[in-house]
Amino acid sequence: MPFRPAAVVTYMLRADRIHRWAPLAPALFHLALVHVYGRTPVERAEAQAVRRM
């Protein structure tokens, strides 16, 4: 899986994975993505993924 905002967020929100994360894992993935891609593209990808749920 590539480390791109849409791919990571989609993977994290999969039905079989969504409740299996350690409490800090989503925040760490978010911060790592923001570090690489910037806040706006990451938040846009997250919003799109949530809308598709």
C-alpha atoms as a PDB file:
ATOM      1  CA  MET A   1       0.000   0.000   0.000  1.00  0.00           C
ATOM      2  CA  PRO A   2       1.438   3.396  -0.943  1.00  0.00           C
ATOM      3  CA  PHE A   3       1.820   6.007   1.777  1.00  0.00           C
ATOM      4  CA  ARG A   4      -0.619   8.485   0.270  1.00  0.00           C
ATOM      5  CA  PRO A   5      -3.440  10.222   2.153  1.00  0.00           C
ATOM      6  CA  ALA A   6      -6.374   8.612   0.325  1.00  0.00           C
ATOM      7  CA  ALA A   7      -4.878   5.112   0.445  1.00  0.00           C
ATOM      8  CA  VAL A   8      -3.974   5.290   4.131  1.00  0.00           C
ATOM      9  CA  VAL A   9      -7.308   6.766   5.223  1.00  0.00           C
ATOM     10  CA  THR A  10      -9.272   4.252   3.159  1.00  0.00           C
ATOM     11  CA  TYR A  11      -7.281   1.403   4.697  1.00  0.00           C
ATOM     12  CA  MET A  12      -7.756   2.701   8.232  1.00  0.00           C
ATOM     13  CA  LEU A  13     -11.523   3.036   7.764  1.00  0.00           C
ATOM     14  CA  ARG A  14     -12.113  -0.405   6.252  1.00  0.00           C
ATOM     15  CA  ALA A  15     -14.923  -2.226   8.023  1.00  0.00           C
ATOM     16  CA  ASP A  16     -12.632  -5.078   9.094  1.00  0.00           C
ATOM     17  CA  ARG A  17      -9.973  -2.693  10.497  1.00  0.00           C
ATOM     18  CA  ILE A  18     -11.790   0.332  11.907  1.00  0.00           C
ATOM     19  CA  HIS A  19     -12.104  -1.008  15.483  1.00  0.00           C
ATOM     20  CA  ARG A  20      -8.717  -2.754  15.655  1.00  0.00           C
ATOM     21  CA  TRP A  21      -6.413   0.222  15.991  1.00  0.00           C
ATOM     22  CA  ALA A  22      -4.507   1.158  19.130  1.00  0.00           C
ATOM     23  CA  PRO A  23      -5.886   4.454  20.487  1.00  0.00           C
ATOM     24  CA  LEU A  24      -2.999   6.563  19.173  1.00  0.00           C
ATOM     25  CA  ALA A  25      -2.522   4.889  15.793  1.00  0.00           C
ATOM     26  CA  PRO A  26      -4.966   7.060  13.791  1.00  0.00           C
ATOM     27  CA  ALA A  27      -3.441  10.246  15.211  1.00  0.00           C
ATOM     28  CA  LEU A  28       0.084   9.060  14.400  1.00  0.00           C
ATOM     29  CA  PHE A  29      -0.883   8.157  10.835  1.00  0.00           C
ATOM     30  CA  HIS A  30      -2.562  11.562  10.469  1.00  0.00           C
ATOM     31  CA  LEU A  31       0.489  13.423  11.768  1.00  0.00           C
ATOM     32  CA  ALA A  32       2.858  11.414   9.566  1.00  0.00           C
ATOM     33  CA  LEU A  33       0.724  12.161   6.505  1.00  0.00           C
ATOM     34  CA  VAL A  34       0.558  15.862   7.412  1.00  0.00           C
ATOM     35  CA  HIS A  35       4.339  15.926   7.817  1.00  0.00           C
ATOM     36  CA  VAL A  36       4.819  14.537   4.304  1.00  0.00           C
ATOM     37  CA  TYR A  37       1.890  16.066   2.364  1.00  0.00           C
ATOM     38  CA  GLY A  38       0.719  19.071   4.379  1.00  0.00           C
ATOM     39  CA  ARG A  39      -2.465  19.634   6.338  1.00  0.00           C
ATOM     40  CA  THR A  40      -4.886  20.624   3.570  1.00  0.00           C
ATOM     41  CA  PRO A  41      -4.458  17.605   1.249  1.00  0.00           C
ATOM     42  CA  VAL A  42      -4.624  15.185   4.180  1.00  0.00           C
ATOM     43  CA  GLU A  43      -7.759  16.730   5.669  1.00  0.00           C
ATOM     44  CA  ARG A  44      -9.363  16.803   2.207  1.00  0.00           C
ATOM     45  CA  ALA A  45      -8.633  13.087   1.691  1.00  0.00           C
ATOM     46  CA  GLU A  46      -9.993  12.284   5.169  1.00  0.00           C
ATOM     47  CA  ALA A  47     -13.193  14.239   4.519  1.00  0.00           C
ATOM     48  CA  GLN A  48     -13.728  12.489   1.188  1.00  0.00           C
ATOM     49  CA  ALA A  49     -13.213   9.068   2.760  1.00  0.00           C
ATOM     50  CA  VAL A  50     -15.672   9.812   5.567  1.00  0.00           C
ATOM     51  CA  ARG A  51     -18.275  11.080   3.089  1.00  0.00           C
ATOM     52  CA  ARG A  52     -18.004   7.785   1.165  1.00  0.00           C
ATOM     53  CA  MET A  53     -18.771   5.740   4.300  1.00  0.00           C
END
